[in-house]
Amino acid sequence: MPYKERLEQQIEELRTRMYEIYNNNPTDAELLRISQELDDLLNRFSEHRQYQCSN
């Protein structure tokens, strides 16, 4: 699977997981970890797009 599609899939999976945890327990400490991981993936996705646009 190409890098971009893999990132998109990981982002969607984490978003779904984050919503599930939030709906079950909005004070769960796992939310912070997932949020940070999601931020990292979104940053990678953005960097990848910028790189693709510049080529």
Protein backbone atom coordinates (compact mmCIF):
# COMPACT_ATOMS: atom_id res chain seq x y z
CA MET A 1 0.00 0.00 0.00
CA PRO A 2 1.39 3.44 -0.90
CA TYR A 3 2.60 5.66 1.93
CA LYS A 4 -0.18 8.25 1.56
CA GLU A 5 -2.96 5.67 1.67
CA ARG A 6 -1.39 3.95 4.66
CA LEU A 7 -1.24 7.27 6.53
CA GLU A 8 -4.85 8.02 5.67
CA GLN A 9 -5.92 4.61 6.94
CA GLN A 10 -3.97 5.02 10.20
CA ILE A 11 -5.43 8.50 10.70
CA GLU A 12 -8.98 7.28 10.26
CA GLU A 13 -8.43 4.31 12.57
CA LEU A 14 -7.02 6.55 15.30
CA ARG A 15 -9.82 9.08 14.90
CA THR A 16 -12.38 6.34 15.27
CA ARG A 17 -10.61 4.93 18.32
CA MET A 18 -10.34 8.38 19.89
CA TYR A 19 -14.08 9.02 19.44
CA GLU A 20 -14.93 5.62 20.92
CA ILE A 21 -12.80 6.24 23.99
CA TYR A 22 -14.14 9.76 24.41
CA ASN A 23 -17.75 8.55 24.19
CA ASN A 24 -17.10 5.87 26.80
CA ASN A 25 -14.93 7.88 29.19
CA PRO A 26 -13.94 11.47 28.28
CA THR A 27 -11.38 11.57 31.10
CA ASP A 28 -9.50 8.44 29.98
CA ALA A 29 -5.74 9.06 29.95
CA GLU A 30 -5.51 7.05 26.72
CA LEU A 31 -7.08 10.02 24.91
CA LEU A 32 -3.94 12.11 25.34
CA ARG A 33 -1.70 9.38 23.93
CA ILE A 34 -3.99 8.80 20.94
CA SER A 35 -4.34 12.53 20.35
CA GLN A 36 -0.57 12.94 20.28
CA GLU A 37 -0.16 10.00 17.94
CA LEU A 38 -2.88 11.40 15.69
CA ASP A 39 -1.14 14.79 15.65
CA ASP A 40 2.07 13.09 14.59
CA LEU A 41 0.33 11.25 11.75
CA LEU A 42 -1.41 14.42 10.59
CA ASN A 43 1.91 16.25 10.57
CA ARG A 44 3.48 13.47 8.52
CA PHE A 45 0.55 13.57 6.12
CA SER A 46 0.89 17.33 5.74
CA GLU A 47 4.63 17.08 5.16
CA HIS A 48 4.07 14.38 2.57
CA ARG A 49 1.54 16.55 0.73
CA GLN A 50 3.88 19.53 0.77
CA TYR A 51 6.69 17.39 -0.59
CA GLN A 52 4.44 16.03 -3.35
CA CYS A 53 3.28 19.51 -4.32
CA SER A 54 6.81 20.84 -4.55
CA ASN A 55 7.88 18.11 -7.01
